[in-house]
Amino acid sequence: MRPKHLAIQLSKLTPHPCLRLELEQYATEGDLAAYWMLAVDETDGLEGATVLDLGAGNGVLGVACLMLGAKHVTFVEVDEDAIIALNANLTGLGEGFTSRSTVLTHRLGVDETDLPQVDLVITNPPWGTQTAKADRPLLEAAFAKAKRAVHVLHHTHATHLERMGRDAGWEHERLIRTDFRLPAAYLHHTKRSLNTDVTCWRFHRLGDAQLPDAPDS
């Protein structure tokens, strides 16, 4: 699937409501979601894969995985309003998507959660700007539940991801570095939008680097 076509399809989804500041809810736009998930497909092959989408929001990342041929995606989200949007998106895409999807309502790190072991985990977690270490439960679950690779979108200058991955037995490489647009979704924002520097990390098992010539930092 061409990036432009995938981005158009994802941009048609019911958007993330982004109503809860404490959850650091910022929507991943269709263009970035398409670009990133196509990179995931290029490095790890989504066709026939099982995927866990942690902090799924409206489901844009997991839906992209389904569009690119994933066998099954488990969406994990805590916010009920976001889950309404997520379920609406899956239903609107038809039975071919809903039959390959599971939606779980859980707060990772708080609720007892029996997550499946999957081929790939994808997550755009909260970055901890409102609540320190808010990303830790999602990252810990990601490293525990992935068989082949973990893909994480996070602030470029975050220093703890690599350490957490290494401690859990994962190597890392950086797939994409780009700008993430933060719209003025909350009352404390004084500008219409801001851009912040983000990186899409790929965590992999030893010997499974896909970008051998790219520096890790």
C-alpha atoms as a PDB file:
ATOM      1  CA  MET A   1       0.000   0.000   0.000  1.00  0.00           C
ATOM      2  CA  ARG A   2       1.313   3.431  -0.898  1.00  0.00           C
ATOM      3  CA  PRO A   3       1.983   5.836   1.975  1.00  0.00           C
ATOM      4  CA  LYS A   4      -0.386   8.482   0.621  1.00  0.00           C
ATOM      5  CA  HIS A   5      -3.242   5.992   0.250  1.00  0.00           C
ATOM      6  CA  LEU A   6      -2.747   4.594   3.740  1.00  0.00           C
ATOM      7  CA  ALA A   7      -2.517   8.097   5.223  1.00  0.00           C
ATOM      8  CA  ILE A   8      -5.789   9.095   3.547  1.00  0.00           C
ATOM      9  CA  GLN A   9      -7.553   6.024   4.932  1.00  0.00           C
ATOM     10  CA  LEU A  10      -6.246   6.656   8.439  1.00  0.00           C
ATOM     11  CA  SER A  11      -7.166  10.337   8.308  1.00  0.00           C
ATOM     12  CA  LYS A  12     -10.795   9.332   7.745  1.00  0.00           C
ATOM     13  CA  LEU A  13     -10.993   7.587  11.131  1.00  0.00           C
ATOM     14  CA  THR A  14     -12.996   9.049  13.993  1.00  0.00           C
ATOM     15  CA  PRO A  15     -10.358  11.111  15.797  1.00  0.00           C
ATOM     16  CA  HIS A  16      -9.053  10.610  19.295  1.00  0.00           C
ATOM     17  CA  PRO A  17     -11.156  12.836  21.610  1.00  0.00           C
ATOM     18  CA  CYS A  18      -8.057  13.918  23.624  1.00  0.00           C
ATOM     19  CA  LEU A  19     -10.085  15.050  26.625  1.00  0.00           C
ATOM     20  CA  ARG A  20      -7.936  13.875  29.537  1.00  0.00           C
ATOM     21  CA  LEU A  21      -4.821  15.918  30.186  1.00  0.00           C
ATOM     22  CA  GLU A  22      -3.610  13.568  32.916  1.00  0.00           C
ATOM     23  CA  LEU A  23      -3.330  10.778  30.340  1.00  0.00           C
ATOM     24  CA  GLU A  24      -1.254  12.989  28.004  1.00  0.00           C
ATOM     25  CA  GLN A  25      -3.555  12.276  25.098  1.00  0.00           C
ATOM     26  CA  TYR A  26      -2.141  13.534  21.824  1.00  0.00           C
ATOM     27  CA  ALA A  27      -3.406  12.012  18.599  1.00  0.00           C
ATOM     28  CA  THR A  28      -1.018  10.414  16.122  1.00  0.00           C
ATOM     29  CA  GLU A  29      -1.910  11.995  12.793  1.00  0.00           C
ATOM     30  CA  GLY A  30      -2.647   9.880   9.752  1.00  0.00           C
ATOM     31  CA  ASP A  31       0.480  10.870   7.823  1.00  0.00           C
ATOM     32  CA  LEU A  32       2.833   9.939  10.661  1.00  0.00           C
ATOM     33  CA  ALA A  33       0.904   6.776  11.517  1.00  0.00           C
ATOM     34  CA  ALA A  34       1.121   5.636   7.888  1.00  0.00           C
ATOM     35  CA  TYR A  35       4.811   6.472   7.543  1.00  0.00           C
ATOM     36  CA  TRP A  36       5.673   4.723  10.816  1.00  0.00           C
ATOM     37  CA  MET A  37       3.565   1.584  10.287  1.00  0.00           C
ATOM     38  CA  LEU A  38       4.939   1.156   6.771  1.00  0.00           C
ATOM     39  CA  ALA A  39       8.424   1.260   8.313  1.00  0.00           C
ATOM     40  CA  VAL A  40       7.292  -1.384  10.824  1.00  0.00           C
ATOM     41  CA  ASP A  41       6.028  -3.485   7.928  1.00  0.00           C
ATOM     42  CA  GLU A  42       9.302  -3.029   6.046  1.00  0.00           C
ATOM     43  CA  THR A  43      11.436  -4.158   8.994  1.00  0.00           C
ATOM     44  CA  ASP A  44       9.243  -6.768  10.671  1.00  0.00           C
ATOM     45  CA  GLY A  45       6.532  -7.809   8.223  1.00  0.00           C
ATOM     46  CA  LEU A  46       2.966  -7.169   9.361  1.00  0.00           C
ATOM     47  CA  GLU A  47       1.421  -9.730   7.012  1.00  0.00           C
ATOM     48  CA  GLY A  48       0.093 -12.533   9.218  1.00  0.00           C
ATOM     49  CA  ALA A  49       1.543 -11.030  12.419  1.00  0.00           C
ATOM     50  CA  THR A  50      -0.122 -10.724  15.806  1.00  0.00           C
ATOM     51  CA  VAL A  51       0.134  -7.216  17.237  1.00  0.00           C
ATOM     52  CA  LEU A  52      -0.438  -5.527  20.591  1.00  0.00           C
ATOM     53  CA  ASP A  53      -1.294  -1.807  20.446  1.00  0.00           C
ATOM     54  CA  LEU A  54      -0.720  -0.328  23.922  1.00  0.00           C
ATOM     55  CA  GLY A  55      -2.384   2.978  24.729  1.00  0.00           C
ATOM     56  CA  ALA A  56      -4.317   2.556  21.514  1.00  0.00           C
ATOM     57  CA  GLY A  57      -6.410   5.739  21.606  1.00  0.00           C
ATOM     58  CA  ASN A  58      -8.717   5.748  18.579  1.00  0.00           C
ATOM     59  CA  GLY A  59      -6.841   2.757  17.163  1.00  0.00           C
ATOM     60  CA  VAL A  60      -4.997   4.527  14.351  1.00  0.00           C
ATOM     61  CA  LEU A  61      -1.799   2.480  14.706  1.00  0.00           C
ATOM     62  CA  GLY A  62      -3.467  -0.889  15.128  1.00  0.00           C
ATOM     63  CA  VAL A  63      -5.912  -0.162  12.313  1.00  0.00           C
ATOM     64  CA  ALA A  64      -2.948   0.612  10.060  1.00  0.00           C
ATOM     65  CA  CYS A  65      -1.487  -2.773  11.015  1.00  0.00           C
ATOM     66  CA  LEU A  66      -4.751  -4.472  10.058  1.00  0.00           C
ATOM     67  CA  MET A  67      -4.796  -2.618   6.741  1.00  0.00           C
ATOM     68  CA  LEU A  68      -1.265  -3.875   6.120  1.00  0.00           C
ATOM     69  CA  GLY A  69      -2.250  -7.494   6.695  1.00  0.00           C
ATOM     70  CA  ALA A  70      -1.858  -8.198  10.417  1.00  0.00           C
ATOM     71  CA  LYS A  71      -3.546 -11.428  11.473  1.00  0.00           C
ATOM     72  CA  HIS A  72      -4.872 -10.006  14.740  1.00  0.00           C
ATOM     73  CA  VAL A  73      -4.483  -6.803  16.753  1.00  0.00           C
ATOM     74  CA  THR A  74      -5.204  -6.486  20.460  1.00  0.00           C
ATOM     75  CA  PHE A  75      -5.964  -2.877  21.372  1.00  0.00           C
ATOM     76  CA  VAL A  76      -5.385  -1.814  24.990  1.00  0.00           C
ATOM     77  CA  GLU A  77      -6.796   1.524  26.156  1.00  0.00           C
ATOM     78  CA  VAL A  78      -8.028   2.947  29.475  1.00  0.00           C
ATOM     79  CA  ASP A  79     -10.078   5.974  28.375  1.00  0.00           C
ATOM     80  CA  GLU A  80     -13.727   5.149  27.699  1.00  0.00           C
ATOM     81  CA  ASP A  81     -14.207   8.029  25.260  1.00  0.00           C
ATOM     82  CA  ALA A  82     -11.229   6.881  23.226  1.00  0.00           C
ATOM     83  CA  ILE A  83     -12.583   3.330  23.243  1.00  0.00           C
ATOM     84  CA  ILE A  84     -15.887   4.584  21.836  1.00  0.00           C
ATOM     85  CA  ALA A  85     -13.969   6.142  18.936  1.00  0.00           C
ATOM     86  CA  LEU A  86     -11.864   2.987  18.544  1.00  0.00           C
ATOM     87  CA  ASN A  87     -14.882   0.686  18.399  1.00  0.00           C
ATOM     88  CA  ALA A  88     -16.622   3.037  15.961  1.00  0.00           C
ATOM     89  CA  ASN A  89     -13.593   2.906  13.688  1.00  0.00           C
ATOM     90  CA  LEU A  90     -13.394  -0.874  13.731  1.00  0.00           C
ATOM     91  CA  THR A  91     -17.132  -1.247  13.149  1.00  0.00           C
ATOM     92  CA  GLY A  92     -17.048   1.283  10.334  1.00  0.00           C
ATOM     93  CA  LEU A  93     -14.321  -0.678   8.571  1.00  0.00           C
ATOM     94  CA  GLY A  94     -16.425  -3.826   8.602  1.00  0.00           C
ATOM     95  CA  GLU A  95     -16.383  -7.406   9.818  1.00  0.00           C
ATOM     96  CA  GLY A  96     -13.029  -8.101   8.214  1.00  0.00           C
ATOM     97  CA  PHE A  97     -11.498  -5.750  10.776  1.00  0.00           C
ATOM     98  CA  THR A  98     -13.635  -6.454  13.835  1.00  0.00           C
ATOM     99  CA  SER A  99     -13.086 -10.215  13.487  1.00  0.00           C
ATOM    100  CA  ARG A 100      -9.321  -9.680  13.656  1.00  0.00           C
ATOM    101  CA  SER A 101      -9.469  -7.336  16.651  1.00  0.00           C
ATOM    102  CA  THR A 102      -9.777  -7.486  20.416  1.00  0.00           C
ATOM    103  CA  VAL A 103     -10.341  -4.344  22.491  1.00  0.00           C
ATOM    104  CA  LEU A 104      -9.295  -4.434  26.153  1.00  0.00           C
ATOM    105  CA  THR A 105     -10.119  -1.720  28.684  1.00  0.00           C
ATOM    106  CA  HIS A 106      -7.209  -1.665  31.132  1.00  0.00           C
ATOM    107  CA  ARG A 107      -4.938   0.741  32.956  1.00  0.00           C
ATOM    108  CA  LEU A 108      -1.560  -0.898  32.659  1.00  0.00           C
ATOM    109  CA  GLY A 109       0.337  -0.986  35.921  1.00  0.00           C
ATOM    110  CA  VAL A 110      -2.895  -0.752  37.932  1.00  0.00           C
ATOM    111  CA  ASP A 111      -5.389  -3.304  36.618  1.00  0.00           C
ATOM    112  CA  GLU A 112      -4.613  -6.991  36.544  1.00  0.00           C
ATOM    113  CA  THR A 113      -4.151  -7.625  32.848  1.00  0.00           C
ATOM    114  CA  ASP A 114      -3.600 -10.927  31.082  1.00  0.00           C
ATOM    115  CA  LEU A 115      -2.151  -9.689  27.823  1.00  0.00           C
ATOM    116  CA  PRO A 116      -1.340 -12.119  25.021  1.00  0.00           C
ATOM    117  CA  GLN A 117       2.140 -12.897  23.776  1.00  0.00           C
ATOM    118  CA  VAL A 118       2.368 -11.408  20.284  1.00  0.00           C
ATOM    119  CA  ASP A 119       4.817 -11.050  17.442  1.00  0.00           C
ATOM    120  CA  LEU A 120       4.999  -7.249  17.602  1.00  0.00           C
ATOM    121  CA  VAL A 121       4.115  -4.522  20.083  1.00  0.00           C
ATOM    122  CA  ILE A 122       3.505  -0.931  19.017  1.00  0.00           C
ATOM    123  CA  THR A 123       2.974   1.989  21.381  1.00  0.00           C
ATOM    124  CA  ASN A 124       2.929   5.756  21.531  1.00  0.00           C
ATOM    125  CA  PRO A 125       2.909   5.989  25.333  1.00  0.00           C
ATOM    126  CA  PRO A 126       2.474   9.059  27.527  1.00  0.00           C
ATOM    127  CA  TRP A 127       5.867  10.699  27.772  1.00  0.00           C
ATOM    128  CA  GLY A 128       5.724  11.513  31.472  1.00  0.00           C
ATOM    129  CA  THR A 129       5.378  15.293  31.140  1.00  0.00           C
ATOM    130  CA  GLN A 130       2.285  15.365  33.371  1.00  0.00           C
ATOM    131  CA  THR A 131       2.999  12.333  35.545  1.00  0.00           C
ATOM    132  CA  ALA A 132       6.565  11.151  36.007  1.00  0.00           C
ATOM    133  CA  LYS A 133       7.259   7.660  34.637  1.00  0.00           C
ATOM    134  CA  ALA A 134       3.766   7.394  33.129  1.00  0.00           C
ATOM    135  CA  ASP A 135       5.248   5.493  30.202  1.00  0.00           C
ATOM    136  CA  ARG A 136       6.868   2.785  32.332  1.00  0.00           C
ATOM    137  CA  PRO A 137       3.883   0.379  32.617  1.00  0.00           C
ATOM    138  CA  LEU A 138       3.395   0.423  28.842  1.00  0.00           C
ATOM    139  CA  LEU A 139       7.074  -0.091  28.111  1.00  0.00           C
ATOM    140  CA  GLU A 140       7.386  -2.883  30.667  1.00  0.00           C
ATOM    141  CA  ALA A 141       4.363  -4.658  29.176  1.00  0.00           C
ATOM    142  CA  ALA A 142       5.730  -4.162  25.666  1.00  0.00           C
ATOM    143  CA  PHE A 143       9.108  -5.704  26.478  1.00  0.00           C
ATOM    144  CA  ALA A 144       7.436  -8.592  28.305  1.00  0.00           C
ATOM    145  CA  LYS A 145       4.864  -9.491  25.651  1.00  0.00           C
ATOM    146  CA  ALA A 146       6.677  -9.102  22.315  1.00  0.00           C
ATOM    147  CA  LYS A 147       8.271 -12.107  20.660  1.00  0.00           C
ATOM    148  CA  ARG A 148      10.019 -10.382  17.740  1.00  0.00           C
ATOM    149  CA  ALA A 149      10.071  -6.604  18.092  1.00  0.00           C
ATOM    150  CA  VAL A 150       8.795  -3.590  20.005  1.00  0.00           C
ATOM    151  CA  HIS A 151       8.120  -0.309  18.227  1.00  0.00           C
ATOM    152  CA  VAL A 152       7.890   2.844  20.358  1.00  0.00           C
ATOM    153  CA  LEU A 153       7.253   6.485  19.484  1.00  0.00           C
ATOM    154  CA  HIS A 154       8.737   8.783  22.116  1.00  0.00           C
ATOM    155  CA  HIS A 155      10.475  12.113  22.554  1.00  0.00           C
ATOM    156  CA  THR A 156      13.836  12.000  20.807  1.00  0.00           C
ATOM    157  CA  HIS A 157      15.737  13.104  23.880  1.00  0.00           C
ATOM    158  CA  ALA A 158      14.279  10.485  26.221  1.00  0.00           C
ATOM    159  CA  THR A 159      17.224   8.654  27.776  1.00  0.00           C
ATOM    160  CA  HIS A 160      15.532   5.827  29.642  1.00  0.00           C
ATOM    161  CA  LEU A 161      14.098   3.781  26.777  1.00  0.00           C
ATOM    162  CA  GLU A 162      17.371   2.241  25.708  1.00  0.00           C
ATOM    163  CA  ARG A 163      18.259   1.363  29.299  1.00  0.00           C
ATOM    164  CA  MET A 164      14.869  -0.230  29.948  1.00  0.00           C
ATOM    165  CA  GLY A 165      15.091  -2.208  26.730  1.00  0.00           C
ATOM    166  CA  ARG A 166      18.615  -3.383  27.444  1.00  0.00           C
ATOM    167  CA  ASP A 167      17.663  -4.455  30.973  1.00  0.00           C
ATOM    168  CA  ALA A 168      14.806  -6.505  29.480  1.00  0.00           C
ATOM    169  CA  GLY A 169      17.110  -8.176  26.937  1.00  0.00           C
ATOM    170  CA  TRP A 170      16.441  -6.004  23.875  1.00  0.00           C
ATOM    171  CA  GLU A 171      18.782  -4.178  21.496  1.00  0.00           C
ATOM    172  CA  HIS A 172      17.585  -1.009  19.769  1.00  0.00           C
ATOM    173  CA  GLU A 173      17.818   1.026  16.611  1.00  0.00           C
ATOM    174  CA  ARG A 174      16.121   4.228  15.494  1.00  0.00           C
ATOM    175  CA  LEU A 175      13.841   3.881  12.487  1.00  0.00           C
ATOM    176  CA  ILE A 176      12.514   7.424  12.108  1.00  0.00           C
ATOM    177  CA  ARG A 177      13.205  10.852  13.535  1.00  0.00           C
ATOM    178  CA  THR A 178      10.580  13.469  12.760  1.00  0.00           C
ATOM    179  CA  ASP A 179       8.336  16.221  14.116  1.00  0.00           C
ATOM    180  CA  PHE A 180       5.200  15.377  16.079  1.00  0.00           C
ATOM    181  CA  ARG A 181       2.513  18.044  15.891  1.00  0.00           C
ATOM    182  CA  LEU A 182       0.837  18.858  19.188  1.00  0.00           C
ATOM    183  CA  PRO A 183      -2.444  20.667  18.478  1.00  0.00           C
ATOM    184  CA  ALA A 184      -3.825  23.099  21.037  1.00  0.00           C
ATOM    185  CA  ALA A 185      -6.080  20.464  22.554  1.00  0.00           C
ATOM    186  CA  TYR A 186      -6.055  21.732  26.127  1.00  0.00           C
ATOM    187  CA  LEU A 187      -6.872  25.056  27.773  1.00  0.00           C
ATOM    188  CA  HIS A 188      -3.291  25.701  28.929  1.00  0.00           C
ATOM    189  CA  HIS A 189      -2.025  25.731  25.339  1.00  0.00           C
ATOM    190  CA  THR A 190      -1.572  29.277  24.083  1.00  0.00           C
ATOM    191  CA  LYS A 191      -0.486  28.435  20.532  1.00  0.00           C
ATOM    192  CA  ARG A 192      -2.601  26.762  17.881  1.00  0.00           C
ATOM    193  CA  SER A 193      -0.037  23.967  17.565  1.00  0.00           C
ATOM    194  CA  LEU A 194       3.487  23.023  18.563  1.00  0.00           C
ATOM    195  CA  ASN A 195       6.004  20.649  17.043  1.00  0.00           C
ATOM    196  CA  THR A 196       8.214  18.395  19.116  1.00  0.00           C
ATOM    197  CA  ASP A 197      11.109  16.183  18.050  1.00  0.00           C
ATOM    198  CA  VAL A 198      10.248  12.473  18.212  1.00  0.00           C
ATOM    199  CA  THR A 199      11.900   9.179  17.338  1.00  0.00           C
ATOM    200  CA  CYS A 200      10.363   5.845  16.402  1.00  0.00           C
ATOM    201  CA  TRP A 201      12.500   3.204  18.111  1.00  0.00           C
ATOM    202  CA  ARG A 202      12.682  -0.432  17.086  1.00  0.00           C
ATOM    203  CA  PHE A 203      13.705  -2.834  19.863  1.00  0.00           C
ATOM    204  CA  HIS A 204      14.857  -6.223  18.639  1.00  0.00           C
ATOM    205  CA  ARG A 205      16.570  -9.370  19.788  1.00  0.00           C
ATOM    206  CA  LEU A 206      20.341  -9.676  19.566  1.00  0.00           C
ATOM    207  CA  GLY A 207      21.433 -10.173  15.958  1.00  0.00           C
ATOM    208  CA  ASP A 208      18.148  -9.004  14.420  1.00  0.00           C
ATOM    209  CA  ALA A 209      19.055  -5.407  13.582  1.00  0.00           C
ATOM    210  CA  GLN A 210      17.496  -4.252  10.325  1.00  0.00           C
ATOM    211  CA  LEU A 211      19.497  -1.039   9.986  1.00  0.00           C
ATOM    212  CA  PRO A 212      23.078  -2.271  10.477  1.00  0.00           C
ATOM    213  CA  ASP A 213      24.635   0.880   9.085  1.00  0.00           C
ATOM    214  CA  ALA A 214      22.558   3.301  11.169  1.00  0.00           C
ATOM    215  CA  PRO A 215      23.918   4.639  14.459  1.00  0.00           C
ATOM    216  CA  ASP A 216      21.898   3.989  17.595  1.00  0.00           C
ATOM    217  CA  SER A 217      22.290   7.518  18.871  1.00  0.00           C
END
